[in-house]
Each structure stands twice: as C-alpha cells, then as structure tokens.
Amino acid sequence: MAISKCFLAYLISSFLFISMIQAHEKIINTNEIGEYALGDVKIDCGAECSRRCSLSSRPNLCHRACGTCCARCNCVPPGTAGNDEVCPCWANQTTHGGRKKCP
C-alpha cells in the first residue's frame, strides 16, 4: 500500500513538472503582445521601409532611420505613420536627444 501511494505521488509530481516546463517554453516563445515570436525569420526591411516611408516628405532620411530600426527590431509597424504599439521595440528607440528615432 505504501508503495502505491509513493508511486501515485511520484506520478502526480512528474505530471506537474512536465506541465510547468511546457508552460515556461510557451512563455519564452511569445513576445510582449502575446503573439508567437518570429524567431529566426527575418523580414524584408527594404520593402517594409519603402512601404512605411512612401508618403514621407524626406524619403532618404526616413529610409535610413527605418532601415536601422527594422534591423534592430525585425519589425515595421503597419501603415505609413503611427501604430507603434504593434512593435514595442520600434516605439522605444530614441535618438541621443531623446526624440523618437523610428519613423
């Protein structure tokens, strides 16, 4: 009887341990907004920055800043302006003067 209780306790603790490991792996594989991270998949920064900077009054400056931010963050928010909440890394980039770096 004592052996079956020990075996049952071992079985339950093993199940809980495996569940905790799986939950931890899922947390590691998600980004700040709860979506699965792209991991090793790199986006095409040239195309994304062309789209983002299409309406800019200073396209060369926009492309240079966008390219830097895209390389660091591996994401470009949708649209031609705003939507920074989609990519928190993009929103947190600043210049030495404290202004927003990413267009």
PDB file of N, CA and C in Angstrom:
ATOM      1  N   MET A   1       0.818  -1.196   0.000  1.00  0.00           N
ATOM      2  CA  MET A   1       0.000   0.000   0.000  1.00  0.00           C
ATOM      3  C   MET A   1       0.862   1.260   0.000  1.00  0.00           C
ATOM      4  N   ALA A   2       1.937   1.238   0.778  1.00  0.00           N
ATOM      5  CA  ALA A   2       2.825   2.399   0.850  1.00  0.00           C
ATOM      6  C   ALA A   2       3.516   2.629  -0.494  1.00  0.00           C
ATOM      7  N   ILE A   3       3.820   1.578  -1.200  1.00  0.00           N
ATOM      8  CA  ILE A   3       4.481   1.712  -2.492  1.00  0.00           C
ATOM      9  C   ILE A   3       3.531   2.361  -3.490  1.00  0.00           C
ATOM     10  N   SER A   4       2.267   1.994  -3.479  1.00  0.00           N
ATOM     11  CA  SER A   4       1.323   2.586  -4.423  1.00  0.00           C
ATOM     12  C   SER A   4       1.093   4.073  -4.134  1.00  0.00           C
ATOM     13  N   LYS A   5       1.094   4.473  -2.860  1.00  0.00           N
ATOM     14  CA  LYS A   5       0.966   5.884  -2.523  1.00  0.00           C
ATOM     15  C   LYS A   5       2.188   6.663  -2.997  1.00  0.00           C
ATOM     16  N   CYS A   6       3.357   6.092  -2.822  1.00  0.00           N
ATOM     17  CA  CYS A   6       4.587   6.749  -3.287  1.00  0.00           C
ATOM     18  C   CYS A   6       4.581   6.852  -4.807  1.00  0.00           C
ATOM     19  N   PHE A   7       4.161   5.792  -5.465  1.00  0.00           N
ATOM     20  CA  PHE A   7       4.115   5.809  -6.924  1.00  0.00           C
ATOM     21  C   PHE A   7       3.115   6.847  -7.416  1.00  0.00           C
ATOM     22  N   LEU A   8       1.964   6.952  -6.770  1.00  0.00           N
ATOM     23  CA  LEU A   8       0.951   7.923  -7.138  1.00  0.00           C
ATOM     24  C   LEU A   8       1.473   9.358  -6.930  1.00  0.00           C
ATOM     25  N   ALA A   9       2.156   9.596  -5.819  1.00  0.00           N
ATOM     26  CA  ALA A   9       2.731  10.917  -5.554  1.00  0.00           C
ATOM     27  C   ALA A   9       3.797  11.250  -6.602  1.00  0.00           C
ATOM     28  N   TYR A  10       4.617  10.264  -6.954  1.00  0.00           N
ATOM     29  CA  TYR A  10       5.644  10.463  -7.986  1.00  0.00           C
ATOM     30  C   TYR A  10       4.998  10.776  -9.327  1.00  0.00           C
ATOM     31  N   LEU A  11       3.948  10.079  -9.682  1.00  0.00           N
ATOM     32  CA  LEU A  11       3.263  10.280 -10.950  1.00  0.00           C
ATOM     33  C   LEU A  11       2.660  11.690 -11.027  1.00  0.00           C
ATOM     34  N   ILE A  12       2.020  12.129  -9.973  1.00  0.00           N
ATOM     35  CA  ILE A  12       1.411  13.461  -9.946  1.00  0.00           C
ATOM     36  C   ILE A  12       2.480  14.547 -10.011  1.00  0.00           C
ATOM     37  N   SER A  13       3.557  14.401  -9.248  1.00  0.00           N
ATOM     38  CA  SER A  13       4.610  15.417  -9.276  1.00  0.00           C
ATOM     39  C   SER A  13       5.298  15.455 -10.643  1.00  0.00           C
ATOM     40  N   SER A  14       5.449  14.315 -11.297  1.00  0.00           N
ATOM     41  CA  SER A  14       6.040  14.279 -12.641  1.00  0.00           C
ATOM     42  C   SER A  14       5.141  15.014 -13.632  1.00  0.00           C
ATOM     43  N   PHE A  15       3.852  14.782 -13.538  1.00  0.00           N
ATOM     44  CA  PHE A  15       2.897  15.449 -14.418  1.00  0.00           C
ATOM     45  C   PHE A  15       2.950  16.962 -14.227  1.00  0.00           C
ATOM     46  N   LEU A  16       2.981  17.424 -12.986  1.00  0.00           N
ATOM     47  CA  LEU A  16       3.054  18.861 -12.704  1.00  0.00           C
ATOM     48  C   LEU A  16       4.361  19.461 -13.219  1.00  0.00           C
ATOM     49  N   PHE A  17       5.463  18.740 -13.060  1.00  0.00           N
ATOM     50  CA  PHE A  17       6.760  19.218 -13.535  1.00  0.00           C
ATOM     51  C   PHE A  17       6.762  19.381 -15.059  1.00  0.00           C
ATOM     52  N   ILE A  18       6.226  18.408 -15.762  1.00  0.00           N
ATOM     53  CA  ILE A  18       6.165  18.474 -17.228  1.00  0.00           C
ATOM     54  C   ILE A  18       5.254  19.618 -17.668  1.00  0.00           C
ATOM     55  N   SER A  19       4.148  19.823 -16.981  1.00  0.00           N
ATOM     56  CA  SER A  19       3.244  20.929 -17.311  1.00  0.00           C
ATOM     57  C   SER A  19       3.921  22.275 -17.112  1.00  0.00           C
ATOM     58  N   MET A  20       4.699  22.403 -16.053  1.00  0.00           N
ATOM     59  CA  MET A  20       5.407  23.653 -15.801  1.00  0.00           C
ATOM     60  C   MET A  20       6.449  23.928 -16.885  1.00  0.00           C
ATOM     61  N   ILE A  21       7.149  22.918 -17.322  1.00  0.00           N
ATOM     62  CA  ILE A  21       8.155  23.082 -18.378  1.00  0.00           C
ATOM     63  C   ILE A  21       7.485  23.524 -19.674  1.00  0.00           C
ATOM     64  N   GLN A  22       6.368  22.910 -20.029  1.00  0.00           N
ATOM     65  CA  GLN A  22       5.667  23.276 -21.251  1.00  0.00           C
ATOM     66  C   GLN A  22       5.147  24.711 -21.174  1.00  0.00           C
ATOM     67  N   ALA A  23       4.633  25.131 -20.038  1.00  0.00           N
ATOM     68  CA  ALA A  23       4.144  26.499 -19.871  1.00  0.00           C
ATOM     69  C   ALA A  23       5.299  27.492 -19.974  1.00  0.00           C
ATOM     70  N   HIS A  24       6.442  27.148 -19.400  1.00  0.00           N
ATOM     71  CA  HIS A  24       7.609  28.020 -19.469  1.00  0.00           C
ATOM     72  C   HIS A  24       8.092  28.178 -20.904  1.00  0.00           C
ATOM     73  N   GLU A  25       8.115  27.108 -21.670  1.00  0.00           N
ATOM     74  CA  GLU A  25       8.523  27.177 -23.076  1.00  0.00           C
ATOM     75  C   GLU A  25       7.566  28.047 -23.880  1.00  0.00           C
ATOM     76  N   LYS A  26       6.279  27.969 -23.581  1.00  0.00           N
ATOM     77  CA  LYS A  26       5.301  28.782 -24.295  1.00  0.00           C
ATOM     78  C   LYS A  26       5.496  30.254 -23.984  1.00  0.00           C
ATOM     79  N   ILE A  27       5.817  30.588 -22.740  1.00  0.00           N
ATOM     80  CA  ILE A  27       6.066  31.972 -22.361  1.00  0.00           C
ATOM     81  C   ILE A  27       7.309  32.494 -23.069  1.00  0.00           C
ATOM     82  N   ILE A  28       8.349  31.702 -23.161  1.00  0.00           N
ATOM     83  CA  ILE A  28       9.583  32.121 -23.819  1.00  0.00           C
ATOM     84  C   ILE A  28       9.335  32.383 -25.300  1.00  0.00           C
ATOM     85  N   ASN A  29       8.458  31.629 -25.940  1.00  0.00           N
ATOM     86  CA  ASN A  29       8.219  31.746 -27.368  1.00  0.00           C
ATOM     87  C   ASN A  29       7.174  32.787 -27.743  1.00  0.00           C
ATOM     88  N   THR A  30       6.764  33.642 -26.804  1.00  0.00           N
ATOM     89  CA  THR A  30       5.814  34.703 -27.133  1.00  0.00           C
ATOM     90  C   THR A  30       6.477  36.043 -26.915  1.00  0.00           C
ATOM     91  N   ASN A  31       6.021  37.055 -27.654  1.00  0.00           N
ATOM     92  CA  ASN A  31       6.573  38.397 -27.473  1.00  0.00           C
ATOM     93  C   ASN A  31       5.687  39.209 -26.557  1.00  0.00           C
ATOM     94  N   GLU A  32       5.925  40.528 -26.471  1.00  0.00           N
ATOM     95  CA  GLU A  32       5.245  41.375 -25.495  1.00  0.00           C
ATOM     96  C   GLU A  32       3.732  41.457 -25.696  1.00  0.00           C
ATOM     97  N   ILE A  33       3.251  41.323 -26.928  1.00  0.00           N
ATOM     98  CA  ILE A  33       1.816  41.469 -27.150  1.00  0.00           C
ATOM     99  C   ILE A  33       1.108  40.123 -27.244  1.00  0.00           C
ATOM    100  N   GLY A  34       1.796  39.045 -26.885  1.00  0.00           N
ATOM    101  CA  GLY A  34       1.164  37.751 -26.795  1.00  0.00           C
ATOM    102  C   GLY A  34       1.169  36.927 -28.067  1.00  0.00           C
ATOM    103  N   GLU A  35       1.787  37.426 -29.126  1.00  0.00           N
ATOM    104  CA  GLU A  35       1.850  36.647 -30.348  1.00  0.00           C
ATOM    105  C   GLU A  35       3.143  35.863 -30.372  1.00  0.00           C
ATOM    106  N   TYR A  36       3.156  34.768 -31.110  1.00  0.00           N
ATOM    107  CA  TYR A  36       4.374  33.991 -31.197  1.00  0.00           C
ATOM    108  C   TYR A  36       5.454  34.786 -31.908  1.00  0.00           C
ATOM    109  N   ALA A  37       6.648  34.758 -31.374  1.00  0.00           N
ATOM    110  CA  ALA A  37       7.766  35.499 -31.951  1.00  0.00           C
ATOM    111  C   ALA A  37       8.204  34.867 -33.259  1.00  0.00           C
ATOM    112  N   LEU A  38       8.769  35.695 -34.126  1.00  0.00           N
ATOM    113  CA  LEU A  38       9.205  35.212 -35.423  1.00  0.00           C
ATOM    114  C   LEU A  38      10.494  34.410 -35.324  1.00  0.00           C
ATOM    115  N   GLY A  39      11.258  34.600 -34.247  1.00  0.00           N
ATOM    116  CA  GLY A  39      12.474  33.829 -34.067  1.00  0.00           C
ATOM    117  C   GLY A  39      13.512  34.156 -35.118  1.00  0.00           C
ATOM    118  N   ASP A  40      13.885  33.162 -35.918  1.00  0.00           N
ATOM    119  CA  ASP A  40      14.938  33.335 -36.904  1.00  0.00           C
ATOM    120  C   ASP A  40      14.443  33.910 -38.219  1.00  0.00           C
ATOM    121  N   VAL A  41      13.151  34.112 -38.380  1.00  0.00           N
ATOM    122  CA  VAL A  41      12.604  34.623 -39.624  1.00  0.00           C
ATOM    123  C   VAL A  41      12.866  36.128 -39.696  1.00  0.00           C
ATOM    124  N   LYS A  42      13.589  36.564 -40.732  1.00  0.00           N
ATOM    125  CA  LYS A  42      13.893  37.981 -40.916  1.00  0.00           C
ATOM    126  C   LYS A  42      12.943  38.556 -41.954  1.00  0.00           C
ATOM    127  N   ILE A  43      12.448  39.761 -41.695  1.00  0.00           N
ATOM    128  CA  ILE A  43      11.561  40.404 -42.657  1.00  0.00           C
ATOM    129  C   ILE A  43      12.405  41.146 -43.688  1.00  0.00           C
ATOM    130  N   ASP A  44      11.803  41.486 -44.812  1.00  0.00           N
ATOM    131  CA  ASP A  44      12.469  42.241 -45.865  1.00  0.00           C
ATOM    132  C   ASP A  44      12.390  43.722 -45.502  1.00  0.00           C
ATOM    133  N   CYS A  45      13.436  44.233 -44.864  1.00  0.00           N
ATOM    134  CA  CYS A  45      13.427  45.616 -44.375  1.00  0.00           C
ATOM    135  C   CYS A  45      13.323  46.625 -45.513  1.00  0.00           C
ATOM    136  N   GLY A  46      13.930  46.337 -46.660  1.00  0.00           N
ATOM    137  CA  GLY A  46      13.858  47.265 -47.779  1.00  0.00           C
ATOM    138  C   GLY A  46      12.430  47.491 -48.244  1.00  0.00           C
ATOM    139  N   ALA A  47      11.702  46.408 -48.427  1.00  0.00           N
ATOM    140  CA  ALA A  47      10.317  46.512 -48.885  1.00  0.00           C
ATOM    141  C   ALA A  47       9.424  47.142 -47.813  1.00  0.00           C
ATOM    142  N   GLU A  48       9.618  46.728 -46.575  1.00  0.00           N
ATOM    143  CA  GLU A  48       8.790  47.262 -45.492  1.00  0.00           C
ATOM    144  C   GLU A  48       9.052  48.751 -45.285  1.00  0.00           C
ATOM    145  N   CYS A  49      10.311  49.169 -45.383  1.00  0.00           N
ATOM    146  CA  CYS A  49      10.625  50.591 -45.205  1.00  0.00           C
ATOM    147  C   CYS A  49      10.155  51.410 -46.406  1.00  0.00           C
ATOM    148  N   SER A  50      10.172  50.836 -47.595  1.00  0.00           N
ATOM    149  CA  SER A  50       9.620  51.542 -48.753  1.00  0.00           C
ATOM    150  C   SER A  50       8.142  51.810 -48.555  1.00  0.00           C
ATOM    151  N   ARG A  51       7.436  50.824 -48.022  1.00  0.00           N
ATOM    152  CA  ARG A  51       6.012  50.997 -47.737  1.00  0.00           C
ATOM    153  C   ARG A  51       5.805  52.034 -46.642  1.00  0.00           C
ATOM    154  N   ARG A  52       6.580  51.921 -45.562  1.00  0.00           N
ATOM    155  CA  ARG A  52       6.428  52.820 -44.415  1.00  0.00           C
ATOM    156  C   ARG A  52       6.751  54.271 -44.797  1.00  0.00           C
ATOM    157  N   CYS A  53       7.744  54.469 -45.644  1.00  0.00           N
ATOM    158  CA  CYS A  53       8.214  55.816 -45.984  1.00  0.00           C
ATOM    159  C   CYS A  53       7.619  56.355 -47.284  1.00  0.00           C
ATOM    160  N   SER A  54       6.623  55.696 -47.833  1.00  0.00           N
ATOM    161  CA  SER A  54       6.087  56.081 -49.142  1.00  0.00           C
ATOM    162  C   SER A  54       5.496  57.494 -49.166  1.00  0.00           C
ATOM    163  N   LEU A  55       4.975  57.987 -48.059  1.00  0.00           N
ATOM    164  CA  LEU A  55       4.380  59.324 -48.022  1.00  0.00           C
ATOM    165  C   LEU A  55       5.252  60.346 -47.304  1.00  0.00           C
ATOM    166  N   SER A  56       6.475  59.970 -46.980  1.00  0.00           N
ATOM    167  CA  SER A  56       7.352  60.862 -46.225  1.00  0.00           C
ATOM    168  C   SER A  56       7.784  62.058 -47.072  1.00  0.00           C
ATOM    169  N   SER A  57       7.912  63.215 -46.424  1.00  0.00           N
ATOM    170  CA  SER A  57       8.401  64.412 -47.125  1.00  0.00           C
ATOM    171  C   SER A  57       9.921  64.367 -47.279  1.00  0.00           C
ATOM    172  N   ARG A  58      10.580  63.532 -46.477  1.00  0.00           N
ATOM    173  CA  ARG A  58      12.032  63.356 -46.562  1.00  0.00           C
ATOM    174  C   ARG A  58      12.329  61.865 -46.686  1.00  0.00           C
ATOM    175  N   PRO A  59      12.135  61.289 -47.863  1.00  0.00           N
ATOM    176  CA  PRO A  59      12.222  59.837 -48.026  1.00  0.00           C
ATOM    177  C   PRO A  59      13.596  59.239 -47.716  1.00  0.00           C
ATOM    178  N   ASN A  60      14.686  59.937 -48.056  1.00  0.00           N
ATOM    179  CA  ASN A  60      16.015  59.385 -47.780  1.00  0.00           C
ATOM    180  C   ASN A  60      16.273  59.266 -46.284  1.00  0.00           C
ATOM    181  N   LEU A  61      15.922  60.297 -45.534  1.00  0.00           N
ATOM    182  CA  LEU A  61      16.067  60.273 -44.084  1.00  0.00           C
ATOM    183  C   LEU A  61      15.177  59.193 -43.473  1.00  0.00           C
ATOM    184  N   CYS A  62      13.960  59.099 -43.973  1.00  0.00           N
ATOM    185  CA  CYS A  62      13.010  58.102 -43.479  1.00  0.00           C
ATOM    186  C   CYS A  62      13.534  56.684 -43.725  1.00  0.00           C
ATOM    187  N   HIS A  63      14.037  56.421 -44.927  1.00  0.00           N
ATOM    188  CA  HIS A  63      14.553  55.085 -45.259  1.00  0.00           C
ATOM    189  C   HIS A  63      15.754  54.723 -44.385  1.00  0.00           C
ATOM    190  N   ARG A  64      16.636  55.690 -44.136  1.00  0.00           N
ATOM    191  CA  ARG A  64      17.820  55.407 -43.322  1.00  0.00           C
ATOM    192  C   ARG A  64      17.415  55.060 -41.885  1.00  0.00           C
ATOM    193  N   ALA A  65      16.541  55.878 -41.291  1.00  0.00           N
ATOM    194  CA  ALA A  65      16.099  55.620 -39.920  1.00  0.00           C
ATOM    195  C   ALA A  65      15.275  54.341 -39.839  1.00  0.00           C
ATOM    196  N   CYS A  66      14.410  54.134 -40.810  1.00  0.00           N
ATOM    197  CA  CYS A  66      13.572  52.931 -40.828  1.00  0.00           C
ATOM    198  C   CYS A  66      14.429  51.681 -40.957  1.00  0.00           C
ATOM    199  N   GLY A  67      15.442  51.736 -41.821  1.00  0.00           N
ATOM    200  CA  GLY A  67      16.320  50.578 -42.005  1.00  0.00           C
ATOM    201  C   GLY A  67      17.057  50.209 -40.731  1.00  0.00           C
ATOM    202  N   THR A  68      17.519  51.217 -39.987  1.00  0.00           N
ATOM    203  CA  THR A  68      18.202  50.974 -38.722  1.00  0.00           C
ATOM    204  C   THR A  68      17.249  50.337 -37.709  1.00  0.00           C
ATOM    205  N   CYS A  69      16.065  50.897 -37.590  1.00  0.00           N
ATOM    206  CA  CYS A  69      15.076  50.382 -36.635  1.00  0.00           C
ATOM    207  C   CYS A  69      14.618  48.977 -37.018  1.00  0.00           C
ATOM    208  N   CYS A  70      14.422  48.740 -38.304  1.00  0.00           N
ATOM    209  CA  CYS A  70      13.982  47.431 -38.770  1.00  0.00           C
ATOM    210  C   CYS A  70      15.043  46.369 -38.480  1.00  0.00           C
ATOM    211  N   ALA A  71      16.306  46.717 -38.694  1.00  0.00           N
ATOM    212  CA  ALA A  71      17.386  45.766 -38.429  1.00  0.00           C
ATOM    213  C   ALA A  71      17.475  45.430 -36.946  1.00  0.00           C
ATOM    214  N   ARG A  72      17.233  46.404 -36.092  1.00  0.00           N
ATOM    215  CA  ARG A  72      17.305  46.166 -34.645  1.00  0.00           C
ATOM    216  C   ARG A  72      16.090  45.412 -34.127  1.00  0.00           C
ATOM    217  N   CYS A  73      14.906  45.764 -34.623  1.00  0.00           N
ATOM    218  CA  CYS A  73      13.652  45.239 -34.064  1.00  0.00           C
ATOM    219  C   CYS A  73      13.063  44.076 -34.857  1.00  0.00           C
ATOM    220  N   ASN A  74      13.462  43.915 -36.112  1.00  0.00           N
ATOM    221  CA  ASN A  74      12.914  42.897 -37.007  1.00  0.00           C
ATOM    222  C   ASN A  74      11.400  43.031 -37.143  1.00  0.00           C
ATOM    223  N   CYS A  75      10.919  44.264 -37.132  1.00  0.00           N
ATOM    224  CA  CYS A  75       9.509  44.522 -37.409  1.00  0.00           C
ATOM    225  C   CYS A  75       9.348  45.974 -37.833  1.00  0.00           C
ATOM    226  N   VAL A  76       8.314  46.232 -38.612  1.00  0.00           N
ATOM    227  CA  VAL A  76       7.948  47.578 -39.034  1.00  0.00           C
ATOM    228  C   VAL A  76       6.440  47.679 -38.851  1.00  0.00           C
ATOM    229  N   PRO A  77       5.967  48.685 -38.104  1.00  0.00           N
ATOM    230  CA  PRO A  77       4.521  48.799 -37.882  1.00  0.00           C
ATOM    231  C   PRO A  77       3.755  48.997 -39.195  1.00  0.00           C
ATOM    232  N   PRO A  78       2.499  48.585 -39.241  1.00  0.00           N
ATOM    233  CA  PRO A  78       1.701  48.764 -40.451  1.00  0.00           C
ATOM    234  C   PRO A  78       1.376  50.234 -40.697  1.00  0.00           C
ATOM    235  N   GLY A  79       1.083  50.554 -41.936  1.00  0.00           N
ATOM    236  CA  GLY A  79       0.721  51.924 -42.295  1.00  0.00           C
ATOM    237  C   GLY A  79       1.944  52.785 -42.545  1.00  0.00           C
ATOM    238  N   THR A  80       1.695  54.048 -42.840  1.00  0.00           N
ATOM    239  CA  THR A  80       2.787  54.970 -43.128  1.00  0.00           C
ATOM    240  C   THR A  80       3.171  55.818 -41.924  1.00  0.00           C
ATOM    241  N   ALA A  81       2.391  55.778 -40.867  1.00  0.00           N
ATOM    242  CA  ALA A  81       2.715  56.507 -39.633  1.00  0.00           C
ATOM    243  C   ALA A  81       1.923  55.907 -38.474  1.00  0.00           C
ATOM    244  N   GLY A  82       2.415  56.138 -37.271  1.00  0.00           N
ATOM    245  CA  GLY A  82       1.711  55.647 -36.080  1.00  0.00           C
ATOM    246  C   GLY A  82       1.787  54.145 -35.932  1.00  0.00           C
ATOM    247  N   ASN A  83       0.829  53.565 -35.239  1.00  0.00           N
ATOM    248  CA  ASN A  83       0.724  52.124 -34.976  1.00  0.00           C
ATOM    249  C   ASN A  83       1.943  51.565 -34.257  1.00  0.00           C
ATOM    250  N   ASP A  84       2.630  52.389 -33.474  1.00  0.00           N
ATOM    251  CA  ASP A  84       3.839  51.952 -32.777  1.00  0.00           C
ATOM    252  C   ASP A  84       3.568  50.861 -31.747  1.00  0.00           C
ATOM    253  N   GLU A  85       2.342  50.760 -31.255  1.00  0.00           N
ATOM    254  CA  GLU A  85       2.030  49.760 -30.231  1.00  0.00           C
ATOM    255  C   GLU A  85       2.166  48.334 -30.759  1.00  0.00           C
ATOM    256  N   VAL A  86       2.148  48.174 -32.078  1.00  0.00           N
ATOM    257  CA  VAL A  86       2.292  46.842 -32.678  1.00  0.00           C
ATOM    258  C   VAL A  86       3.713  46.329 -32.502  1.00  0.00           C
ATOM    259  N   CYS A  87       4.666  47.224 -32.459  1.00  0.00           N
ATOM    260  CA  CYS A  87       6.077  46.859 -32.338  1.00  0.00           C
ATOM    261  C   CYS A  87       6.708  47.689 -31.212  1.00  0.00           C
ATOM    262  N   PRO A  88       6.689  47.198 -29.967  1.00  0.00           N
ATOM    263  CA  PRO A  88       7.191  47.977 -28.833  1.00  0.00           C
ATOM    264  C   PRO A  88       8.661  48.384 -28.984  1.00  0.00           C
ATOM    265  N   CYS A  89       9.469  47.525 -29.567  1.00  0.00           N
ATOM    266  CA  CYS A  89      10.877  47.851 -29.784  1.00  0.00           C
ATOM    267  C   CYS A  89      10.990  49.099 -30.650  1.00  0.00           C
ATOM    268  N   TRP A  90      10.172  49.181 -31.672  1.00  0.00           N
ATOM    269  CA  TRP A  90      10.148  50.324 -32.596  1.00  0.00           C
ATOM    270  C   TRP A  90       9.823  51.599 -31.830  1.00  0.00           C
ATOM    271  N   ALA A  91       8.848  51.538 -30.966  1.00  0.00           N
ATOM    272  CA  ALA A  91       8.396  52.708 -30.223  1.00  0.00           C
ATOM    273  C   ALA A  91       9.424  53.171 -29.190  1.00  0.00           C
ATOM    274  N   ASN A  92      10.267  52.262 -28.695  1.00  0.00           N
ATOM    275  CA  ASN A  92      11.223  52.597 -27.633  1.00  0.00           C
ATOM    276  C   ASN A  92      12.567  53.108 -28.140  1.00  0.00           C
ATOM    277  N   GLN A  93      12.815  53.080 -29.446  1.00  0.00           N
ATOM    278  CA  GLN A  93      14.078  53.574 -29.989  1.00  0.00           C
ATOM    279  C   GLN A  93      14.084  55.099 -29.952  1.00  0.00           C
ATOM    280  N   THR A  94      15.155  55.693 -29.392  1.00  0.00           N
ATOM    281  CA  THR A  94      15.265  57.149 -29.333  1.00  0.00           C
ATOM    282  C   THR A  94      16.646  57.598 -29.810  1.00  0.00           C
ATOM    283  N   THR A  95      16.716  58.861 -30.203  1.00  0.00           N
ATOM    284  CA  THR A  95      17.995  59.458 -30.602  1.00  0.00           C
ATOM    285  C   THR A  95      18.743  59.886 -29.351  1.00  0.00           C
ATOM    286  N   HIS A  96      19.962  60.400 -29.531  1.00  0.00           N
ATOM    287  CA  HIS A  96      20.722  60.896 -28.372  1.00  0.00           C
ATOM    288  C   HIS A  96      20.012  62.064 -27.712  1.00  0.00           C
ATOM    289  N   GLY A  97      19.223  62.788 -28.478  1.00  0.00           N
ATOM    290  CA  GLY A  97      18.477  63.920 -27.939  1.00  0.00           C
ATOM    291  C   GLY A  97      17.165  63.535 -27.266  1.00  0.00           C
ATOM    292  N   GLY A  98      16.833  62.252 -27.252  1.00  0.00           N
ATOM    293  CA  GLY A  98      15.616  61.790 -26.604  1.00  0.00           C
ATOM    294  C   GLY A  98      14.382  61.791 -27.482  1.00  0.00           C
ATOM    295  N   ARG A  99      14.543  62.107 -28.772  1.00  0.00           N
ATOM    296  CA  ARG A  99      13.394  62.096 -29.688  1.00  0.00           C
ATOM    297  C   ARG A  99      13.217  60.703 -30.278  1.00  0.00           C
ATOM    298  N   LYS A 100      12.006  60.436 -30.797  1.00  0.00           N
ATOM    299  CA  LYS A 100      11.747  59.145 -31.425  1.00  0.00           C
ATOM    300  C   LYS A 100      12.651  58.950 -32.632  1.00  0.00           C
ATOM    301  N   LYS A 101      13.300  57.802 -32.706  1.00  0.00           N
ATOM    302  CA  LYS A 101      14.214  57.528 -33.801  1.00  0.00           C
ATOM    303  C   LYS A 101      13.495  56.961 -35.010  1.00  0.00           C
ATOM    304  N   CYS A 102      12.535  56.098 -34.782  1.00  0.00           N
ATOM    305  CA  CYS A 102      11.906  55.352 -35.877  1.00  0.00           C
ATOM    306  C   CYS A 102      10.719  56.117 -36.455  1.00  0.00           C
ATOM    307  N   PRO A 103      10.657  56.207 -37.785  1.00  0.00           N
ATOM    308  CA  PRO A 103       9.575  56.956 -38.432  1.00  0.00           C
ATOM    309  C   PRO A 103       8.228  56.255 -38.350  1.00  0.00           C
TER     310      PRO A 103
END
